[in-house]
Amino acid sequence: QVQLVQSGGGLVQAGGSLRLSCAASGRTFSTYIMGWFRQAPGKEREFVARIWWSGGGTYYADSMKGRFTISRDNTKNTLYLQMSSLKPEDTAVYYCNTPYRASSNDWGQGTQVTVSS
């Protein structure tokens, strides 16, 4: 079982940058894929990006390509999402998760990102 602690959200002006962190603990050695998701008020949760832990391969939703970068620090067991060129439509609660937790609908509280125009 993996426990996740998310941080790094906040208020930023359009065009600015922000980095989100997701510290993982527990049986992380059995987790091979991790990802970022987001949900804006009144909208469905959407996929942002995923990363294969051991090899570092990544995949992004089309709207995130070129602006967001997912990465991980293996020694710190921490997942990151570097966001740049932020837009007001990026305003949402951001979540990190694993396939196991997501399949159990366990999303935690996430971290709020607000982009002002």
PDB file of N, CA and C in Angstrom:
ATOM      1  N   GLN A   1       0.840  -1.173   0.000  1.00  0.00           N
ATOM      2  CA  GLN A   1       0.000   0.000   0.000  1.00  0.00           C
ATOM      3  C   GLN A   1       0.883   1.235   0.000  1.00  0.00           C
ATOM      4  N   VAL A   2       0.485   2.249  -0.776  1.00  0.00           N
ATOM      5  CA  VAL A   2       1.246   3.488  -0.910  1.00  0.00           C
ATOM      6  C   VAL A   2       0.457   4.639  -0.298  1.00  0.00           C
ATOM      7  N   GLN A   3       1.150   5.463   0.494  1.00  0.00           N
ATOM      8  CA  GLN A   3       0.558   6.676   1.036  1.00  0.00           C
ATOM      9  C   GLN A   3       1.148   7.877   0.300  1.00  0.00           C
ATOM     10  N   LEU A   4       0.320   8.873   0.003  1.00  0.00           N
ATOM     11  CA  LEU A   4       0.743  10.021  -0.785  1.00  0.00           C
ATOM     12  C   LEU A   4       0.467  11.325  -0.048  1.00  0.00           C
ATOM     13  N   VAL A   5       1.450  12.235  -0.059  1.00  0.00           N
ATOM     14  CA  VAL A   5       1.305  13.558   0.523  1.00  0.00           C
ATOM     15  C   VAL A   5       1.610  14.582  -0.554  1.00  0.00           C
ATOM     16  N   GLN A   6       0.603  15.343  -0.949  1.00  0.00           N
ATOM     17  CA  GLN A   6       0.733  16.309  -2.017  1.00  0.00           C
ATOM     18  C   GLN A   6       0.931  17.718  -1.473  1.00  0.00           C
ATOM     19  N   SER A   7       1.701  18.534  -2.201  1.00  0.00           N
ATOM     20  CA  SER A   7       1.955  19.904  -1.790  1.00  0.00           C
ATOM     21  C   SER A   7       2.382  20.732  -2.999  1.00  0.00           C
ATOM     22  N   GLY A   8       2.498  22.043  -2.805  1.00  0.00           N
ATOM     23  CA  GLY A   8       3.007  22.931  -3.835  1.00  0.00           C
ATOM     24  C   GLY A   8       1.969  23.785  -4.528  1.00  0.00           C
ATOM     25  N   GLY A   9       0.692  23.555  -4.245  1.00  0.00           N
ATOM     26  CA  GLY A   9      -0.345  24.360  -4.859  1.00  0.00           C
ATOM     27  C   GLY A   9      -0.334  25.777  -4.327  1.00  0.00           C
ATOM     28  N   GLY A  10      -1.033  26.662  -5.019  1.00  0.00           N
ATOM     29  CA  GLY A  10      -1.097  28.044  -4.602  1.00  0.00           C
ATOM     30  C   GLY A  10      -1.695  28.925  -5.663  1.00  0.00           C
ATOM     31  N   LEU A  11      -1.518  30.230  -5.476  1.00  0.00           N
ATOM     32  CA  LEU A  11      -2.037  31.234  -6.395  1.00  0.00           C
ATOM     33  C   LEU A  11      -0.909  31.763  -7.268  1.00  0.00           C
ATOM     34  N   VAL A  12      -1.152  31.821  -8.567  1.00  0.00           N
ATOM     35  CA  VAL A  12      -0.146  32.314  -9.502  1.00  0.00           C
ATOM     36  C   VAL A  12      -0.846  33.074 -10.626  1.00  0.00           C
ATOM     37  N   GLN A  13      -0.170  34.086 -11.174  1.00  0.00           N
ATOM     38  CA  GLN A  13      -0.723  34.844 -12.286  1.00  0.00           C
ATOM     39  C   GLN A  13      -0.565  34.081 -13.596  1.00  0.00           C
ATOM     40  N   ALA A  14      -1.444  34.362 -14.539  1.00  0.00           N
ATOM     41  CA  ALA A  14      -1.360  33.739 -15.854  1.00  0.00           C
ATOM     42  C   ALA A  14       0.025  33.959 -16.450  1.00  0.00           C
ATOM     43  N   GLY A  15       0.574  32.899 -17.037  1.00  0.00           N
ATOM     44  CA  GLY A  15       1.908  32.957 -17.601  1.00  0.00           C
ATOM     45  C   GLY A  15       2.993  32.535 -16.637  1.00  0.00           C
ATOM     46  N   GLY A  16       2.642  32.380 -15.379  1.00  0.00           N
ATOM     47  CA  GLY A  16       3.606  32.003 -14.365  1.00  0.00           C
ATOM     48  C   GLY A  16       3.852  30.513 -14.302  1.00  0.00           C
ATOM     49  N   SER A  17       4.671  30.115 -13.325  1.00  0.00           N
ATOM     50  CA  SER A  17       5.047  28.717 -13.157  1.00  0.00           C
ATOM     51  C   SER A  17       4.812  28.258 -11.729  1.00  0.00           C
ATOM     52  N   LEU A  18       4.674  26.950 -11.575  1.00  0.00           N
ATOM     53  CA  LEU A  18       4.448  26.357 -10.270  1.00  0.00           C
ATOM     54  C   LEU A  18       4.912  24.912 -10.322  1.00  0.00           C
ATOM     55  N   ARG A  19       5.458  24.407  -9.216  1.00  0.00           N
ATOM     56  CA  ARG A  19       5.855  23.005  -9.146  1.00  0.00           C
ATOM     57  C   ARG A  19       5.122  22.301  -8.022  1.00  0.00           C
ATOM     58  N   LEU A  20       4.451  21.220  -8.367  1.00  0.00           N
ATOM     59  CA  LEU A  20       3.746  20.403  -7.398  1.00  0.00           C
ATOM     60  C   LEU A  20       4.600  19.203  -7.009  1.00  0.00           C
ATOM     61  N   SER A  21       4.477  18.778  -5.757  1.00  0.00           N
ATOM     62  CA  SER A  21       5.218  17.623  -5.266  1.00  0.00           C
ATOM     63  C   SER A  21       4.265  16.591  -4.698  1.00  0.00           C
ATOM     64  N   CYS A  22       4.664  15.338  -4.779  1.00  0.00           N
ATOM     65  CA  CYS A  22       3.885  14.232  -4.245  1.00  0.00           C
ATOM     66  C   CYS A  22       4.853  13.251  -3.613  1.00  0.00           C
ATOM     67  N   ALA A  23       4.916  13.265  -2.290  1.00  0.00           N
ATOM     68  CA  ALA A  23       5.814  12.375  -1.564  1.00  0.00           C
ATOM     69  C   ALA A  23       5.113  11.053  -1.296  1.00  0.00           C
ATOM     70  N   ALA A  24       5.756   9.971  -1.686  1.00  0.00           N
ATOM     71  CA  ALA A  24       5.178   8.646  -1.540  1.00  0.00           C
ATOM     72  C   ALA A  24       5.898   7.858  -0.452  1.00  0.00           C
ATOM     73  N   SER A  25       5.139   7.095   0.292  1.00  0.00           N
ATOM     74  CA  SER A  25       5.700   6.218   1.309  1.00  0.00           C
ATOM     75  C   SER A  25       4.930   4.906   1.305  1.00  0.00           C
ATOM     76  N   GLY A  26       5.470   3.926   2.005  1.00  0.00           N
ATOM     77  CA  GLY A  26       4.846   2.617   2.013  1.00  0.00           C
ATOM     78  C   GLY A  26       5.535   1.695   1.021  1.00  0.00           C
ATOM     79  N   ARG A  27       4.778   0.803   0.417  1.00  0.00           N
ATOM     80  CA  ARG A  27       5.341  -0.192  -0.493  1.00  0.00           C
ATOM     81  C   ARG A  27       5.482   0.376  -1.902  1.00  0.00           C
ATOM     82  N   THR A  28       6.351   1.376  -2.022  1.00  0.00           N
ATOM     83  CA  THR A  28       6.538   2.043  -3.302  1.00  0.00           C
ATOM     84  C   THR A  28       7.246   1.171  -4.332  1.00  0.00           C
ATOM     85  N   PHE A  29       7.958   0.161  -3.877  1.00  0.00           N
ATOM     86  CA  PHE A  29       8.684  -0.702  -4.804  1.00  0.00           C
ATOM     87  C   PHE A  29       7.754  -1.494  -5.707  1.00  0.00           C
ATOM     88  N   SER A  30       6.518  -1.630  -5.299  1.00  0.00           N
ATOM     89  CA  SER A  30       5.541  -2.365  -6.099  1.00  0.00           C
ATOM     90  C   SER A  30       4.730  -1.450  -7.009  1.00  0.00           C
ATOM     91  N   THR A  31       5.017  -0.148  -6.976  1.00  0.00           N
ATOM     92  CA  THR A  31       4.325   0.829  -7.813  1.00  0.00           C
ATOM     93  C   THR A  31       5.188   1.161  -9.019  1.00  0.00           C
ATOM     94  N   TYR A  32       4.713   0.849 -10.197  1.00  0.00           N
ATOM     95  CA  TYR A  32       5.495   1.049 -11.415  1.00  0.00           C
ATOM     96  C   TYR A  32       5.058   2.264 -12.227  1.00  0.00           C
ATOM     97  N   ILE A  33       3.837   2.725 -12.013  1.00  0.00           N
ATOM     98  CA  ILE A  33       3.312   3.873 -12.732  1.00  0.00           C
ATOM     99  C   ILE A  33       2.657   4.840 -11.753  1.00  0.00           C
ATOM    100  N   MET A  34       2.928   6.122 -11.914  1.00  0.00           N
ATOM    101  CA  MET A  34       2.257   7.153 -11.135  1.00  0.00           C
ATOM    102  C   MET A  34       1.830   8.275 -12.072  1.00  0.00           C
ATOM    103  N   GLY A  35       0.806   9.002 -11.670  1.00  0.00           N
ATOM    104  CA  GLY A  35       0.314  10.049 -12.544  1.00  0.00           C
ATOM    105  C   GLY A  35      -0.277  11.228 -11.804  1.00  0.00           C
ATOM    106  N   TRP A  36      -0.480  12.299 -12.561  1.00  0.00           N
ATOM    107  CA  TRP A  36      -1.149  13.499 -12.080  1.00  0.00           C
ATOM    108  C   TRP A  36      -2.488  13.646 -12.778  1.00  0.00           C
ATOM    109  N   PHE A  37      -3.480  14.095 -12.022  1.00  0.00           N
ATOM    110  CA  PHE A  37      -4.820  14.338 -12.515  1.00  0.00           C
ATOM    111  C   PHE A  37      -5.294  15.675 -11.963  1.00  0.00           C
ATOM    112  N   ARG A  38      -6.360  16.221 -12.527  1.00  0.00           N
ATOM    113  CA  ARG A  38      -6.906  17.457 -11.997  1.00  0.00           C
ATOM    114  C   ARG A  38      -8.410  17.492 -12.181  1.00  0.00           C
ATOM    115  N   GLN A  39      -9.062  18.300 -11.349  1.00  0.00           N
ATOM    116  CA  GLN A  39     -10.500  18.455 -11.436  1.00  0.00           C
ATOM    117  C   GLN A  39     -10.886  19.886 -11.092  1.00  0.00           C
ATOM    118  N   ALA A  40     -11.545  20.552 -12.024  1.00  0.00           N
ATOM    119  CA  ALA A  40     -12.045  21.893 -11.813  1.00  0.00           C
ATOM    120  C   ALA A  40     -13.485  21.808 -11.309  1.00  0.00           C
ATOM    121  N   PRO A  41     -13.956  22.834 -10.604  1.00  0.00           N
ATOM    122  CA  PRO A  41     -15.330  22.819 -10.093  1.00  0.00           C
ATOM    123  C   PRO A  41     -16.345  22.596 -11.210  1.00  0.00           C
ATOM    124  N   GLY A  42     -17.254  21.651 -10.993  1.00  0.00           N
ATOM    125  CA  GLY A  42     -18.290  21.377 -11.965  1.00  0.00           C
ATOM    126  C   GLY A  42     -17.852  20.575 -13.172  1.00  0.00           C
ATOM    127  N   LYS A  43     -16.601  20.134 -13.194  1.00  0.00           N
ATOM    128  CA  LYS A  43     -16.090  19.368 -14.322  1.00  0.00           C
ATOM    129  C   LYS A  43     -15.589  18.003 -13.867  1.00  0.00           C
ATOM    130  N   GLU A  44     -15.469  17.089 -14.819  1.00  0.00           N
ATOM    131  CA  GLU A  44     -14.975  15.759 -14.519  1.00  0.00           C
ATOM    132  C   GLU A  44     -13.469  15.787 -14.270  1.00  0.00           C
ATOM    133  N   ARG A  45     -13.008  14.835 -13.474  1.00  0.00           N
ATOM    134  CA  ARG A  45     -11.580  14.685 -13.266  1.00  0.00           C
ATOM    135  C   ARG A  45     -10.923  14.285 -14.584  1.00  0.00           C
ATOM    136  N   GLU A  46      -9.771  14.886 -14.890  1.00  0.00           N
ATOM    137  CA  GLU A  46      -9.097  14.579 -16.133  1.00  0.00           C
ATOM    138  C   GLU A  46      -7.638  14.196 -15.913  1.00  0.00           C
ATOM    139  N   PHE A  47      -7.139  13.400 -16.819  1.00  0.00           N
ATOM    140  CA  PHE A  47      -5.761  12.958 -16.791  1.00  0.00           C
ATOM    141  C   PHE A  47      -4.835  14.085 -17.236  1.00  0.00           C
ATOM    142  N   VAL A  48      -3.699  14.222 -16.548  1.00  0.00           N
ATOM    143  CA  VAL A  48      -2.702  15.237 -16.880  1.00  0.00           C
ATOM    144  C   VAL A  48      -1.446  14.604 -17.466  1.00  0.00           C
ATOM    145  N   ALA A  49      -0.818  13.697 -16.717  1.00  0.00           N
ATOM    146  CA  ALA A  49       0.421  13.071 -17.161  1.00  0.00           C
ATOM    147  C   ALA A  49       0.704  11.829 -16.328  1.00  0.00           C
ATOM    148  N   ARG A  50       1.490  10.911 -16.872  1.00  0.00           N
ATOM    149  CA  ARG A  50       1.922   9.740 -16.130  1.00  0.00           C
ATOM    150  C   ARG A  50       3.394   9.474 -16.374  1.00  0.00           C
ATOM    151  N   ILE A  51       4.016   8.722 -15.475  1.00  0.00           N
ATOM    152  CA  ILE A  51       5.418   8.382 -15.599  1.00  0.00           C
ATOM    153  C   ILE A  51       5.633   6.942 -15.157  1.00  0.00           C
ATOM    154  N   TRP A  52       6.503   6.232 -15.886  1.00  0.00           N
ATOM    155  CA  TRP A  52       6.916   4.895 -15.489  1.00  0.00           C
ATOM    156  C   TRP A  52       8.095   5.066 -14.548  1.00  0.00           C
ATOM    157  N   TRP A  53       7.953   4.573 -13.325  1.00  0.00           N
ATOM    158  CA  TRP A  53       8.887   4.898 -12.262  1.00  0.00           C
ATOM    159  C   TRP A  53      10.329   4.481 -12.540  1.00  0.00           C
ATOM    160  N   SER A  54      10.539   3.251 -12.939  1.00  0.00           N
ATOM    161  CA  SER A  54      11.904   2.745 -13.088  1.00  0.00           C
ATOM    162  C   SER A  54      12.622   3.338 -14.292  1.00  0.00           C
ATOM    163  N   GLY A  55      11.974   3.393 -15.425  1.00  0.00           N
ATOM    164  CA  GLY A  55      12.615   3.875 -16.639  1.00  0.00           C
ATOM    165  C   GLY A  55      12.466   5.363 -16.896  1.00  0.00           C
ATOM    166  N   GLY A  56      11.448   5.985 -16.303  1.00  0.00           N
ATOM    167  CA  GLY A  56      11.247   7.415 -16.459  1.00  0.00           C
ATOM    168  C   GLY A  56      10.479   7.828 -17.696  1.00  0.00           C
ATOM    169  N   GLY A  57       9.944   6.879 -18.442  1.00  0.00           N
ATOM    170  CA  GLY A  57       9.146   7.216 -19.608  1.00  0.00           C
ATOM    171  C   GLY A  57       7.902   7.981 -19.207  1.00  0.00           C
ATOM    172  N   THR A  58       7.474   8.910 -20.049  1.00  0.00           N
ATOM    173  CA  THR A  58       6.343   9.773 -19.712  1.00  0.00           C
ATOM    174  C   THR A  58       5.300   9.800 -20.820  1.00  0.00           C
ATOM    175  N   TYR A  59       4.100  10.219 -20.438  1.00  0.00           N
ATOM    176  CA  TYR A  59       3.006  10.398 -21.378  1.00  0.00           C
ATOM    177  C   TYR A  59       2.151  11.550 -20.873  1.00  0.00           C
ATOM    178  N   TYR A  60       1.738  12.450 -21.783  1.00  0.00           N
ATOM    179  CA  TYR A  60       0.978  13.629 -21.416  1.00  0.00           C
ATOM    180  C   TYR A  60      -0.330  13.728 -22.182  1.00  0.00           C
ATOM    181  N   ALA A  61      -1.323  14.317 -21.539  1.00  0.00           N
ATOM    182  CA  ALA A  61      -2.523  14.701 -22.255  1.00  0.00           C
ATOM    183  C   ALA A  61      -2.148  15.790 -23.256  1.00  0.00           C
ATOM    184  N   ASP A  62      -2.845  15.840 -24.388  1.00  0.00           N
ATOM    185  CA  ASP A  62      -2.487  16.764 -25.461  1.00  0.00           C
ATOM    186  C   ASP A  62      -2.414  18.221 -24.997  1.00  0.00           C
ATOM    187  N   SER A  63      -3.336  18.635 -24.159  1.00  0.00           N
ATOM    188  CA  SER A  63      -3.375  20.025 -23.723  1.00  0.00           C
ATOM    189  C   SER A  63      -2.235  20.394 -22.782  1.00  0.00           C
ATOM    190  N   MET A  64      -1.531  19.405 -22.262  1.00  0.00           N
ATOM    191  CA  MET A  64      -0.435  19.649 -21.330  1.00  0.00           C
ATOM    192  C   MET A  64       0.940  19.636 -22.003  1.00  0.00           C
ATOM    193  N   LYS A  65       1.019  19.075 -23.191  1.00  0.00           N
ATOM    194  CA  LYS A  65       2.294  18.937 -23.872  1.00  0.00           C
ATOM    195  C   LYS A  65       2.940  20.292 -24.114  1.00  0.00           C
ATOM    196  N   GLY A  66       4.229  20.387 -23.761  1.00  0.00           N
ATOM    197  CA  GLY A  66       4.971  21.618 -23.965  1.00  0.00           C
ATOM    198  C   GLY A  66       4.892  22.591 -22.813  1.00  0.00           C
ATOM    199  N   ARG A  67       3.960  22.391 -21.901  1.00  0.00           N
ATOM    200  CA  ARG A  67       3.803  23.286 -20.755  1.00  0.00           C
ATOM    201  C   ARG A  67       4.074  22.599 -19.425  1.00  0.00           C
ATOM    202  N   PHE A  68       3.684  21.343 -19.311  1.00  0.00           N
ATOM    203  CA  PHE A  68       3.844  20.599 -18.061  1.00  0.00           C
ATOM    204  C   PHE A  68       4.916  19.525 -18.223  1.00  0.00           C
ATOM    205  N   THR A  69       5.656  19.280 -17.146  1.00  0.00           N
ATOM    206  CA  THR A  69       6.667  18.237 -17.142  1.00  0.00           C
ATOM    207  C   THR A  69       6.524  17.385 -15.888  1.00  0.00           C
ATOM    208  N   ILE A  70       6.347  16.081 -16.072  1.00  0.00           N
ATOM    209  CA  ILE A  70       6.275  15.161 -14.945  1.00  0.00           C
ATOM    210  C   ILE A  70       7.645  14.527 -14.754  1.00  0.00           C
ATOM    211  N   SER A  71       8.058  14.364 -13.508  1.00  0.00           N
ATOM    212  CA  SER A  71       9.349  13.765 -13.205  1.00  0.00           C
ATOM    213  C   SER A  71       9.294  13.103 -11.840  1.00  0.00           C
ATOM    214  N   ARG A  72      10.345  12.355 -11.517  1.00  0.00           N
ATOM    215  CA  ARG A  72      10.397  11.726 -10.210  1.00  0.00           C
ATOM    216  C   ARG A  72      11.830  11.683  -9.698  1.00  0.00           C
ATOM    217  N   ASP A  73      11.986  11.712  -8.383  1.00  0.00           N
ATOM    218  CA  ASP A  73      13.265  11.562  -7.707  1.00  0.00           C
ATOM    219  C   ASP A  73      13.201  10.238  -6.978  1.00  0.00           C
ATOM    220  N   ASN A  74      13.892   9.248  -7.493  1.00  0.00           N
ATOM    221  CA  ASN A  74      13.821   7.906  -6.941  1.00  0.00           C
ATOM    222  C   ASN A  74      14.344   7.829  -5.503  1.00  0.00           C
ATOM    223  N   THR A  75      15.397   8.593  -5.199  1.00  0.00           N
ATOM    224  CA  THR A  75      15.976   8.554  -3.863  1.00  0.00           C
ATOM    225  C   THR A  75      15.058   9.163  -2.814  1.00  0.00           C
ATOM    226  N   LYS A  76      14.214  10.099  -3.223  1.00  0.00           N
ATOM    227  CA  LYS A  76      13.291  10.757  -2.303  1.00  0.00           C
ATOM    228  C   LYS A  76      11.875  10.192  -2.388  1.00  0.00           C
ATOM    229  N   ASN A  77      11.655   9.268  -3.306  1.00  0.00           N
ATOM    230  CA  ASN A  77      10.326   8.705  -3.528  1.00  0.00           C
ATOM    231  C   ASN A  77       9.290   9.810  -3.723  1.00  0.00           C
ATOM    232  N   THR A  78       9.648  10.778  -4.543  1.00  0.00           N
ATOM    233  CA  THR A  78       8.806  11.942  -4.747  1.00  0.00           C
ATOM    234  C   THR A  78       8.506  12.154  -6.228  1.00  0.00           C
ATOM    235  N   LEU A  79       7.258  12.436  -6.517  1.00  0.00           N
ATOM    236  CA  LEU A  79       6.787  12.735  -7.860  1.00  0.00           C
ATOM    237  C   LEU A  79       6.598  14.238  -7.983  1.00  0.00           C
ATOM    238  N   TYR A  80       6.906  14.802  -9.152  1.00  0.00           N
ATOM    239  CA  TYR A  80       6.782  16.236  -9.372  1.00  0.00           C
ATOM    240  C   TYR A  80       5.969  16.535 -10.624  1.00  0.00           C
ATOM    241  N   LEU A  81       5.354  17.705 -10.625  1.00  0.00           N
ATOM    242  CA  LEU A  81       4.719  18.231 -11.818  1.00  0.00           C
ATOM    243  C   LEU A  81       5.140  19.686 -11.946  1.00  0.00           C
ATOM    244  N   GLN A  82       6.010  19.978 -12.903  1.00  0.00           N
ATOM    245  CA  GLN A  82       6.440  21.340 -13.176  1.00  0.00           C
ATOM    246  C   GLN A  82       5.499  21.940 -14.203  1.00  0.00           C
ATOM    247  N   MET A  83       4.850  23.029 -13.838  1.00  0.00           N
ATOM    248  CA  MET A  83       3.878  23.673 -14.695  1.00  0.00           C
ATOM    249  C   MET A  83       4.381  25.055 -15.086  1.00  0.00           C
ATOM    250  N   SER A  84       4.309  25.373 -16.367  1.00  0.00           N
ATOM    251  CA  SER A  84       4.719  26.670 -16.863  1.00  0.00           C
ATOM    252  C   SER A  84       3.666  27.201 -17.820  1.00  0.00           C
ATOM    253  N   SER A  85       3.784  28.489 -18.149  1.00  0.00           N
ATOM    254  CA  SER A  85       2.821  29.145 -19.038  1.00  0.00           C
ATOM    255  C   SER A  85       1.391  28.862 -18.592  1.00  0.00           C
ATOM    256  N   LEU A  86       1.158  29.008 -17.309  1.00  0.00           N
ATOM    257  CA  LEU A  86      -0.141  28.670 -16.741  1.00  0.00           C
ATOM    258  C   LEU A  86      -1.244  29.588 -17.251  1.00  0.00           C
ATOM    259  N   LYS A  87      -2.409  29.005 -17.418  1.00  0.00           N
ATOM    260  CA  LYS A  87      -3.586  29.705 -17.911  1.00  0.00           C
ATOM    261  C   LYS A  87      -4.695  29.634 -16.873  1.00  0.00           C
ATOM    262  N   PRO A  88      -5.640  30.572 -16.890  1.00  0.00           N
ATOM    263  CA  PRO A  88      -6.756  30.505 -15.947  1.00  0.00           C
ATOM    264  C   PRO A  88      -7.495  29.176 -15.996  1.00  0.00           C
ATOM    265  N   GLU A  89      -7.586  28.562 -17.166  1.00  0.00           N
ATOM    266  CA  GLU A  89      -8.267  27.282 -17.293  1.00  0.00           C
ATOM    267  C   GLU A  89      -7.512  26.127 -16.644  1.00  0.00           C
ATOM    268  N   ASP A  90      -6.279  26.372 -16.196  1.00  0.00           N
ATOM    269  CA  ASP A  90      -5.531  25.366 -15.448  1.00  0.00           C
ATOM    270  C   ASP A  90      -5.951  25.328 -13.980  1.00  0.00           C
ATOM    271  N   THR A  91      -6.769  26.276 -13.566  1.00  0.00           N
ATOM    272  CA  THR A  91      -7.250  26.317 -12.191  1.00  0.00           C
ATOM    273  C   THR A  91      -8.031  25.048 -11.875  1.00  0.00           C
ATOM    274  N   ALA A  92      -7.592  24.329 -10.842  1.00  0.00           N
ATOM    275  CA  ALA A  92      -8.209  23.057 -10.485  1.00  0.00           C
ATOM    276  C   ALA A  92      -7.547  22.514  -9.230  1.00  0.00           C
ATOM    277  N   VAL A  93      -8.126  21.458  -8.690  1.00  0.00           N
ATOM    278  CA  VAL A  93      -7.469  20.689  -7.645  1.00  0.00           C
ATOM    279  C   VAL A  93      -6.659  19.605  -8.343  1.00  0.00           C
ATOM    280  N   TYR A  94      -5.382  19.522  -8.025  1.00  0.00           N
ATOM    281  CA  TYR A  94      -4.490  18.559  -8.661  1.00  0.00           C
ATOM    282  C   TYR A  94      -4.215  17.394  -7.719  1.00  0.00           C
ATOM    283  N   TYR A  95      -4.247  16.188  -8.274  1.00  0.00           N
ATOM    284  CA  TYR A  95      -4.052  14.977  -7.511  1.00  0.00           C
ATOM    285  C   TYR A  95      -2.945  14.123  -8.123  1.00  0.00           C
ATOM    286  N   CYS A  96      -2.125  13.504  -7.281  1.00  0.00           N
ATOM    287  CA  CYS A  96      -1.250  12.447  -7.759  1.00  0.00           C
ATOM    288  C   CYS A  96      -1.865  11.127  -7.314  1.00  0.00           C
ATOM    289  N   ASN A  97      -1.579  10.073  -8.066  1.00  0.00           N
ATOM    290  CA  ASN A  97      -2.179   8.800  -7.705  1.00  0.00           C
ATOM    291  C   ASN A  97      -1.453   7.641  -8.369  1.00  0.00           C
ATOM    292  N   THR A  98      -1.775   6.451  -7.925  1.00  0.00           N
ATOM    293  CA  THR A  98      -1.289   5.205  -8.493  1.00  0.00           C
ATOM    294  C   THR A  98      -2.468   4.452  -9.066  1.00  0.00           C
ATOM    295  N   PRO A  99      -2.226   3.504  -9.975  1.00  0.00           N
ATOM    296  CA  PRO A  99      -3.341   2.720 -10.517  1.00  0.00           C
ATOM    297  C   PRO A  99      -4.137   2.007  -9.439  1.00  0.00           C
ATOM    298  N   TYR A 100      -3.453   1.482  -8.415  1.00  0.00           N
ATOM    299  CA  TYR A 100      -4.146   0.766  -7.362  1.00  0.00           C
ATOM    300  C   TYR A 100      -5.103   1.674  -6.597  1.00  0.00           C
ATOM    301  N   ARG A 101      -4.615   2.831  -6.149  1.00  0.00           N
ATOM    302  CA  ARG A 101      -5.460   3.750  -5.394  1.00  0.00           C
ATOM    303  C   ARG A 101      -6.584   4.315  -6.258  1.00  0.00           C
ATOM    304  N   ALA A 102      -6.282   4.612  -7.509  1.00  0.00           N
ATOM    305  CA  ALA A 102      -7.300   5.147  -8.397  1.00  0.00           C
ATOM    306  C   ALA A 102      -8.411   4.129  -8.638  1.00  0.00           C
ATOM    307  N   SER A 103      -8.037   2.863  -8.763  1.00  0.00           N
ATOM    308  CA  SER A 103      -9.037   1.822  -8.979  1.00  0.00           C
ATOM    309  C   SER A 103      -9.949   1.669  -7.778  1.00  0.00           C
ATOM    310  N   SER A 104      -9.478   2.065  -6.601  1.00  0.00           N
ATOM    311  CA  SER A 104     -10.273   2.030  -5.384  1.00  0.00           C
ATOM    312  C   SER A 104     -10.954   3.366  -5.117  1.00  0.00           C
ATOM    313  N   ASN A 105     -10.834   4.301  -6.044  1.00  0.00           N
ATOM    314  CA  ASN A 105     -11.404   5.643  -5.942  1.00  0.00           C
ATOM    315  C   ASN A 105     -10.884   6.384  -4.718  1.00  0.00           C
ATOM    316  N   ASP A 106      -9.614   6.185  -4.412  1.00  0.00           N
ATOM    317  CA  ASP A 106      -8.956   6.855  -3.304  1.00  0.00           C
ATOM    318  C   ASP A 106      -8.095   7.984  -3.867  1.00  0.00           C
ATOM    319  N   TRP A 107      -8.585   9.218  -3.753  1.00  0.00           N
ATOM    320  CA  TRP A 107      -7.914  10.373  -4.351  1.00  0.00           C
ATOM    321  C   TRP A 107      -7.325  11.362  -3.360  1.00  0.00           C
ATOM    322  N   GLY A 108      -7.661  11.261  -2.100  1.00  0.00           N
ATOM    323  CA  GLY A 108      -7.158  12.192  -1.106  1.00  0.00           C
ATOM    324  C   GLY A 108      -7.721  13.582  -1.305  1.00  0.00           C
ATOM    325  N   GLN A 109      -7.036  14.585  -0.752  1.00  0.00           N
ATOM    326  CA  GLN A 109      -7.518  15.962  -0.814  1.00  0.00           C
ATOM    327  C   GLN A 109      -6.968  16.744  -1.997  1.00  0.00           C
ATOM    328  N   GLY A 110      -5.852  16.318  -2.542  1.00  0.00           N
ATOM    329  CA  GLY A 110      -5.236  17.042  -3.639  1.00  0.00           C
ATOM    330  C   GLY A 110      -4.634  18.358  -3.171  1.00  0.00           C
ATOM    331  N   THR A 111      -4.190  19.168  -4.134  1.00  0.00           N
ATOM    332  CA  THR A 111      -3.645  20.486  -3.820  1.00  0.00           C
ATOM    333  C   THR A 111      -4.219  21.498  -4.805  1.00  0.00           C
ATOM    334  N   GLN A 112      -4.695  22.619  -4.287  1.00  0.00           N
ATOM    335  CA  GLN A 112      -5.384  23.615  -5.095  1.00  0.00           C
ATOM    336  C   GLN A 112      -4.406  24.493  -5.866  1.00  0.00           C
ATOM    337  N   VAL A 113      -4.648  24.628  -7.158  1.00  0.00           N
ATOM    338  CA  VAL A 113      -3.901  25.541  -8.015  1.00  0.00           C
ATOM    339  C   VAL A 113      -4.878  26.561  -8.573  1.00  0.00           C
ATOM    340  N   THR A 114      -4.600  27.837  -8.334  1.00  0.00           N
ATOM    341  CA  THR A 114      -5.451  28.906  -8.831  1.00  0.00           C
ATOM    342  C   THR A 114      -4.622  29.850  -9.692  1.00  0.00           C
ATOM    343  N   VAL A 115      -5.052  30.038 -10.933  1.00  0.00           N
ATOM    344  CA  VAL A 115      -4.348  30.906 -11.875  1.00  0.00           C
ATOM    345  C   VAL A 115      -5.219  32.116 -12.162  1.00  0.00           C
ATOM    346  N   SER A 116      -4.733  33.292 -11.820  1.00  0.00           N
ATOM    347  CA  SER A 116      -5.482  34.526 -12.032  1.00  0.00           C
ATOM    348  C   SER A 116      -5.206  35.090 -13.419  1.00  0.00           C
ATOM    349  N   SER A 117      -6.192  35.772 -13.990  1.00  0.00           N
ATOM    350  CA  SER A 117      -6.060  36.352 -15.315  1.00  0.00           C
ATOM    351  C   SER A 117      -5.432  37.721 -15.266  1.00  0.00           C
TER     352      SER A 117
END
